[in-house]
């Protein structure tokens, strides 16, 4: 199974593709999956297992990605990781077909929202998963999302008038 643990609770990698790999992922403690691949939907594989899949099909076209590509998946991961005491053991696996551009892009977005600065997050992901390709357009897409995300948080935290 192509999986690299970036942190104790967040992993990145390539496609799951079959029941045996899904079973292995679950044995590793993965409870939540973000599927970035447009090529294959993991949800039918997950039906037999205690795992929740967020299907986020994203084309690997090296074009700018809108903030909406990141929003739902990041919220799904944050809820899995921080949603309360019952979530302390949750682990998230973010993947695409090869685990090279799309899954690392989403992992970068998640770490950025979790408070990591851009350089440290990129270095951590690349150190753990050396095959990562941080295409500049994808990094810019992540940073655009983070600006929107942080702006929405600031707007939502203003006191009511």
Protein backbone atom coordinates (compact mmCIF):
# COMPACT_ATOMS: atom_id res chain seq x y z
CA UNK A 1 0.00 0.00 0.00
CA UNK A 2 1.37 3.39 -1.02
CA UNK A 3 1.03 5.47 2.15
CA UNK A 4 3.36 7.93 3.86
CA UNK A 5 2.67 9.29 7.34
CA UNK A 6 3.32 13.03 7.35
CA UNK A 7 2.27 13.33 10.99
CA UNK A 8 1.05 10.67 13.38
CA UNK A 9 -2.55 11.32 12.26
CA UNK A 10 -2.22 12.55 8.66
CA UNK A 11 -1.00 10.40 5.77
CA UNK A 12 -0.64 10.99 2.05
CA UNK A 13 -0.31 8.52 -0.78
CA UNK A 14 -1.54 6.85 -3.91
CA UNK A 15 -4.70 5.03 -4.91
CA UNK A 16 -6.35 2.34 -2.81
CA UNK A 17 -7.86 0.51 -5.80
CA UNK A 18 -9.07 -2.75 -4.15
CA UNK A 19 -10.57 -4.37 -1.04
CA UNK A 20 -7.24 -5.76 0.18
CA UNK A 21 -5.66 -2.31 0.20
CA UNK A 22 -8.73 -0.81 1.88
CA UNK A 23 -8.48 -3.47 4.59
CA UNK A 24 -4.79 -2.67 5.07
CA UNK A 25 -5.53 1.06 5.36
CA UNK A 26 -8.11 0.35 8.07
CA UNK A 27 -5.66 -1.96 9.90
CA UNK A 28 -3.24 0.99 9.95
CA UNK A 29 -5.83 2.95 11.88
CA UNK A 30 -7.14 5.17 9.10
CA UNK A 31 -10.68 6.27 9.92
CA UNK A 32 -11.16 8.98 7.29
CA UNK A 33 -10.11 9.16 3.65
CA UNK A 34 -9.99 12.14 1.31
CA UNK A 35 -9.97 10.82 -2.23
CA UNK A 36 -8.62 13.44 -4.65
CA UNK A 37 -8.56 11.23 -7.72
CA UNK A 38 -11.03 11.69 -10.53
CA UNK A 39 -10.09 8.25 -11.87
CA UNK A 40 -11.62 6.08 -9.14
CA UNK A 41 -14.28 6.43 -6.42
CA UNK A 42 -13.31 4.75 -3.12
CA UNK A 43 -16.79 4.86 -1.60
CA UNK A 44 -17.93 1.42 -2.85
CA UNK A 45 -14.73 -0.14 -1.45
CA UNK A 46 -15.27 1.56 1.91
CA UNK A 47 -18.80 0.23 2.44
CA UNK A 48 -17.54 -2.93 4.21
CA UNK A 49 -15.12 -1.08 6.49
CA UNK A 50 -15.28 1.32 9.44
CA UNK A 51 -13.95 4.23 7.42
CA UNK A 52 -15.53 7.41 6.05
CA UNK A 53 -14.63 8.67 2.57
CA UNK A 54 -14.82 12.24 1.34
CA UNK A 55 -14.83 11.98 -2.43
CA UNK A 56 -13.24 15.09 -3.93
CA UNK A 57 -12.52 14.28 -7.60
CA UNK A 58 -9.95 16.75 -8.86
CA UNK A 59 -8.43 16.79 -12.31
CA UNK A 60 -4.64 16.66 -12.39
CA UNK A 61 -4.45 19.26 -15.14
CA UNK A 62 -1.92 21.66 -13.58
CA UNK A 63 -4.49 24.44 -13.70
CA UNK A 64 -5.36 26.76 -10.82
CA UNK A 65 -7.77 25.12 -8.35
CA UNK A 66 -10.59 27.22 -6.87
CA UNK A 67 -10.96 27.46 -3.07
CA UNK A 68 -14.07 25.25 -3.25
CA UNK A 69 -11.84 22.26 -4.14
CA UNK A 70 -10.22 22.56 -0.70
CA UNK A 71 -13.03 23.83 1.53
CA UNK A 72 -15.12 20.70 2.05
CA UNK A 73 -12.16 18.34 2.29
CA UNK A 74 -10.34 20.53 4.82
CA UNK A 75 -13.49 20.83 6.94
CA UNK A 76 -13.96 17.04 6.75
CA UNK A 77 -10.36 16.46 7.91
CA UNK A 78 -10.53 19.08 10.67
CA UNK A 79 -13.75 17.59 11.99
CA UNK A 80 -12.18 14.12 11.94
CA UNK A 81 -9.08 15.32 13.76
CA UNK A 82 -10.54 17.92 16.13
CA UNK A 83 -14.26 17.25 16.38
CA UNK A 84 -14.24 16.20 20.04
CA UNK A 85 -13.00 13.58 22.47
CA UNK A 86 -14.35 10.73 20.35
CA UNK A 87 -12.00 11.80 17.56
CA UNK A 88 -8.70 11.47 19.45
CA UNK A 89 -7.83 8.26 17.63
CA UNK A 90 -8.95 9.33 14.17
CA UNK A 91 -6.41 9.26 11.37
CA UNK A 92 -6.81 10.81 7.91
CA UNK A 93 -5.41 9.44 4.65
CA UNK A 94 -5.33 11.90 1.73
CA UNK A 95 -4.67 10.31 -1.62
CA UNK A 96 -4.86 10.62 -5.37
CA UNK A 97 -3.81 8.08 -8.00
CA UNK A 98 -0.03 8.31 -7.51
CA UNK A 99 0.29 10.51 -4.41
CA UNK A 100 2.49 13.00 -6.22
CA UNK A 101 0.66 16.26 -7.02
CA UNK A 102 -3.00 16.31 -5.91
CA UNK A 103 -2.86 14.55 -2.53
CA UNK A 104 0.19 16.54 -1.39
CA UNK A 105 -1.58 19.72 -2.53
CA UNK A 106 -4.55 18.88 -0.26
CA UNK A 107 -2.24 17.86 2.58
CA UNK A 108 -0.50 21.21 2.24
CA UNK A 109 -3.87 23.00 2.44
CA UNK A 110 -4.78 21.06 5.58
CA UNK A 111 -1.48 21.78 7.32
CA UNK A 112 -1.69 25.46 6.37
CA UNK A 113 -5.16 25.77 7.91
CA UNK A 114 -3.86 23.93 10.99
CA UNK A 115 -1.34 26.76 11.48
CA UNK A 116 1.76 25.56 9.68
CA UNK A 117 3.60 28.17 7.63
CA UNK A 118 3.99 27.40 3.94
CA UNK A 119 7.72 26.60 3.89
CA UNK A 120 7.63 24.34 6.95
CA UNK A 121 4.57 22.47 5.69
CA UNK A 122 6.11 21.91 2.26
CA UNK A 123 9.41 20.77 3.78
CA UNK A 124 7.68 18.33 6.13
CA UNK A 125 5.59 16.76 3.38
CA UNK A 126 8.53 16.53 0.99
CA UNK A 127 10.85 15.16 3.70
CA UNK A 128 8.41 12.36 4.50
CA UNK A 129 7.32 11.71 0.90
CA UNK A 130 10.21 12.48 -1.40
CA UNK A 131 8.24 11.86 -4.64
CA UNK A 132 6.01 14.88 -4.04
CA UNK A 133 5.75 17.40 -6.84
CA UNK A 134 4.60 20.77 -5.56
CA UNK A 135 3.59 22.36 -8.84
CA UNK A 136 3.74 26.13 -8.42
CA UNK A 137 0.17 26.56 -9.68
CA UNK A 138 -1.07 24.13 -7.02
CA UNK A 139 0.86 25.92 -4.26
CA UNK A 140 -0.66 29.22 -5.40
CA UNK A 141 -4.08 27.55 -5.35
CA UNK A 142 -3.51 26.45 -1.76
CA UNK A 143 -2.41 29.93 -0.72
CA UNK A 144 -5.45 31.48 -2.41
CA UNK A 145 -7.65 29.04 -0.50
CA UNK A 146 -5.91 29.86 2.80
CA UNK A 147 -6.53 33.60 2.25
CA UNK A 148 -10.23 32.93 1.60
CA UNK A 149 -10.46 30.52 4.53
CA UNK A 150 -8.78 32.89 6.97
CA UNK A 151 -10.82 35.82 5.66
CA UNK A 152 -14.06 33.90 6.19
CA UNK A 153 -12.95 32.97 9.70
CA UNK A 154 -12.17 36.57 10.53
CA UNK A 155 -15.52 37.69 9.15
CA UNK A 156 -17.38 35.01 11.14
CA UNK A 157 -15.60 35.90 14.37
CA UNK A 158 -16.62 39.56 14.40
CA UNK A 159 -19.02 40.51 17.22
CA UNK A 160 -22.63 41.03 16.25
CA UNK A 161 -23.65 44.67 16.04
